[in-house]
Amino acid sequence: MAKKTDKGESSIAQNKKARFDYFIEERLEAGMALHGWEVKSMRAGKAQITDSFVSLRDGEAWLIGSHVSPLSTASTHVNADPKRVRKLLLNRREIDRLTGLVERKGYTLVALELYWNKNHVKVAVGLAKGKKQHDKRDTEKDRDWQRDKAQVMKGRRAH
């Protein structure tokens, strides 16, 4: 089920792999154009965005690689495609700026999180640069050190 945050928003799905594979330099919020069965599935928590990214084509933004599993109670007259490409709703100025960054500076747009904001589905899009293998090892080493340090500090407080 959806998880509530302190701002009244609730999370539908997160892409934890994106933070491991990319340096996230900027975060944007975009709306999504959805079908009715997709909204119902997202309310039930049947969405995932693990390998999804954003493609900019013909002045529009598209979410590719997301998966929304249809519910068994979905309408029988609708042919539900769980892997369909979904349109993202962004301002023209934002799309033009992102197009320039992606084409000229080598950035990538990845989906970071799907969440509810006032009964609307929003997707957090990250402007990202890819990490090299040694960067990923450094991140992993840093995370291990933070965990070990927390355990040591917790052990000291108990005595």
Protein backbone atom coordinates (compact mmCIF):
# COMPACT_ATOMS: atom_id res chain seq x y z
CA MET A 1 0.00 0.00 0.00
CA ALA A 2 1.05 3.64 -0.32
CA LYS A 3 3.35 5.13 2.31
CA LYS A 4 2.51 8.60 3.73
CA THR A 5 5.16 11.32 3.94
CA ASP A 6 5.17 14.42 6.11
CA LYS A 7 3.92 16.68 3.27
CA GLY A 8 0.65 14.81 2.80
CA GLU A 9 2.04 12.91 -0.17
CA SER A 10 2.16 9.15 -0.32
CA SER A 11 4.66 7.08 -2.24
CA ILE A 12 3.50 4.56 -4.85
CA ALA A 13 6.87 3.27 -6.10
CA GLN A 14 10.55 4.21 -5.78
CA ASN A 15 13.54 3.64 -8.01
CA LYS A 16 16.32 2.91 -5.50
CA LYS A 17 18.59 1.62 -8.26
CA ALA A 18 18.76 5.11 -9.82
CA ARG A 19 20.64 6.59 -6.86
CA PHE A 20 23.17 3.75 -7.06
CA ASP A 21 23.72 4.06 -10.84
CA TYR A 22 23.57 7.87 -11.23
CA PHE A 23 24.57 11.15 -9.62
CA ILE A 24 21.24 12.99 -9.31
CA GLU A 25 21.92 16.68 -9.94
CA GLU A 26 18.39 18.06 -10.13
CA ARG A 27 14.91 16.82 -9.26
CA LEU A 28 11.71 17.79 -11.12
CA GLU A 29 8.05 16.99 -10.57
CA ALA A 30 5.89 15.99 -13.54
CA GLY A 31 2.30 14.90 -13.89
CA MET A 32 1.30 11.81 -15.86
CA ALA A 33 -1.43 11.16 -18.41
CA LEU A 34 -3.02 7.89 -17.25
CA HIS A 35 -5.95 5.62 -18.05
CA GLY A 36 -8.53 4.85 -15.37
CA TRP A 37 -7.37 1.27 -14.81
CA GLU A 38 -3.81 2.54 -14.22
CA VAL A 39 -4.97 4.89 -11.47
CA LYS A 40 -6.84 2.05 -9.76
CA SER A 41 -3.78 -0.19 -9.98
CA MET A 42 -1.56 2.54 -8.53
CA ARG A 43 -3.98 3.00 -5.63
CA ALA A 44 -3.50 -0.72 -4.96
CA GLY A 45 0.32 -0.30 -5.15
CA LYS A 46 0.76 -2.33 -8.36
CA ALA A 47 3.33 -0.09 -10.04
CA GLN A 48 7.11 -0.26 -10.39
CA ILE A 49 9.64 2.06 -12.04
CA THR A 50 12.91 0.22 -11.44
CA ASP A 51 14.37 0.53 -14.95
CA SER A 52 12.33 3.45 -16.22
CA PHE A 53 13.69 6.58 -17.86
CA VAL A 54 12.36 9.67 -19.61
CA SER A 55 12.70 10.22 -23.33
CA LEU A 56 12.22 13.63 -24.96
CA ARG A 57 10.75 13.36 -28.47
CA ASP A 58 8.97 15.94 -30.65
CA GLY A 59 8.76 18.45 -27.81
CA GLU A 60 7.10 15.99 -25.43
CA ALA A 61 8.33 13.93 -22.48
CA TRP A 62 7.58 10.19 -22.28
CA LEU A 63 8.09 7.74 -19.41
CA ILE A 64 9.50 4.49 -20.79
CA GLY A 65 10.02 1.22 -18.92
CA SER A 66 7.50 1.66 -16.12
CA HIS A 67 5.22 -1.25 -15.30
CA VAL A 68 1.67 -0.93 -13.96
CA SER A 69 0.05 -4.32 -13.40
CA PRO A 70 -3.67 -4.33 -14.21
CA LEU A 71 -6.02 -5.44 -11.48
CA SER A 72 -8.08 -8.58 -12.03
CA THR A 73 -11.18 -6.45 -11.53
CA ALA A 74 -10.23 -4.11 -14.41
CA SER A 75 -12.80 -3.59 -17.11
CA THR A 76 -13.08 -6.40 -19.64
CA HIS A 77 -13.55 -4.12 -22.64
CA VAL A 78 -10.16 -2.42 -22.12
CA ASN A 79 -6.99 -4.04 -23.44
CA ALA A 80 -4.56 -3.22 -20.61
CA ASP A 81 -0.91 -2.84 -21.64
CA PRO A 82 1.19 -2.77 -18.43
CA LYS A 83 4.40 -1.61 -20.18
CA ARG A 84 2.90 1.18 -22.32
CA VAL A 85 4.75 4.45 -22.82
CA ARG A 86 3.15 7.16 -20.68
CA LYS A 87 3.17 10.88 -21.42
CA LEU A 88 4.61 13.21 -18.81
CA LEU A 89 3.06 16.63 -18.30
CA LEU A 90 5.73 19.33 -18.20
CA ASN A 91 5.82 23.00 -19.23
CA ARG A 92 7.24 23.82 -22.67
CA ARG A 93 10.04 25.84 -21.05
CA GLU A 94 11.03 22.89 -18.84
CA ILE A 95 11.03 20.47 -21.78
CA ASP A 96 13.18 22.83 -23.89
CA ARG A 97 15.70 23.29 -21.06
CA LEU A 98 15.88 19.54 -20.39
CA THR A 99 16.28 18.79 -24.10
CA GLY A 100 19.29 21.12 -24.22
CA LEU A 101 20.89 19.51 -21.17
CA VAL A 102 20.31 15.95 -22.38
CA GLU A 103 21.51 16.53 -25.94
CA ARG A 104 24.47 18.84 -25.31
CA LYS A 105 25.79 18.00 -21.85
CA GLY A 106 25.19 14.24 -21.75
CA TYR A 107 22.68 14.08 -18.93
CA THR A 108 20.04 11.38 -18.55
CA LEU A 109 16.51 11.71 -17.23
CA VAL A 110 15.50 8.91 -14.85
CA ALA A 111 12.30 8.34 -12.89
CA LEU A 112 13.04 8.45 -9.16
CA GLU A 113 9.64 8.05 -7.53
CA LEU A 114 5.91 7.77 -8.21
CA TYR A 115 3.70 9.41 -5.59
CA TRP A 116 0.31 10.96 -4.90
CA ASN A 117 0.01 14.72 -4.57
CA LYS A 118 -3.54 15.92 -3.86
CA ASN A 119 -5.12 12.92 -5.64
CA HIS A 120 -2.89 13.34 -8.70
CA VAL A 121 -0.15 10.90 -9.66
CA LYS A 122 3.20 12.66 -9.92
CA VAL A 123 6.57 11.33 -10.96
CA ALA A 124 9.85 12.72 -9.61
CA VAL A 125 12.29 12.95 -12.51
CA GLY A 126 16.00 13.22 -11.83
CA LEU A 127 18.49 14.95 -14.11
CA ALA A 128 21.36 12.51 -13.75
CA LYS A 129 24.94 11.78 -14.77
CA GLY A 130 26.04 8.16 -14.93
CA LYS A 131 28.44 6.77 -12.32
CA LYS A 132 31.52 4.81 -13.23
CA GLN A 133 32.25 1.46 -11.57
CA HIS A 134 34.72 2.97 -9.08
CA ASP A 135 32.12 5.60 -8.07
CA LYS A 136 29.65 2.81 -7.30
CA ARG A 137 32.27 1.04 -5.16
CA ASP A 138 32.94 4.28 -3.27
CA THR A 139 29.23 4.73 -2.64
CA GLU A 140 28.93 1.17 -1.36
CA LYS A 141 31.99 1.56 0.86
CA ASP A 142 30.64 4.82 2.26
CA ARG A 143 27.24 3.24 3.00
CA ASP A 144 28.94 0.30 4.79
CA TRP A 145 31.04 2.69 6.87
CA GLN A 146 27.96 4.73 7.89
CA ARG A 147 26.17 1.53 8.94
CA ASP A 148 29.18 0.26 10.94
CA LYS A 149 29.65 3.65 12.58
CA ALA A 150 25.98 3.73 13.61
CA GLN A 151 26.29 0.24 15.14
CA VAL A 152 29.39 1.23 17.09
CA MET A 153 27.75 4.41 18.38
CA LYS A 154 24.63 2.47 19.34
CA GLY A 155 26.79 -0.07 21.22
CA ARG A 156 28.57 2.69 23.17
CA ARG A 157 25.32 4.27 24.31
CA ALA A 158 24.09 0.95 25.72
CA HIS A 159 27.01 0.73 28.20
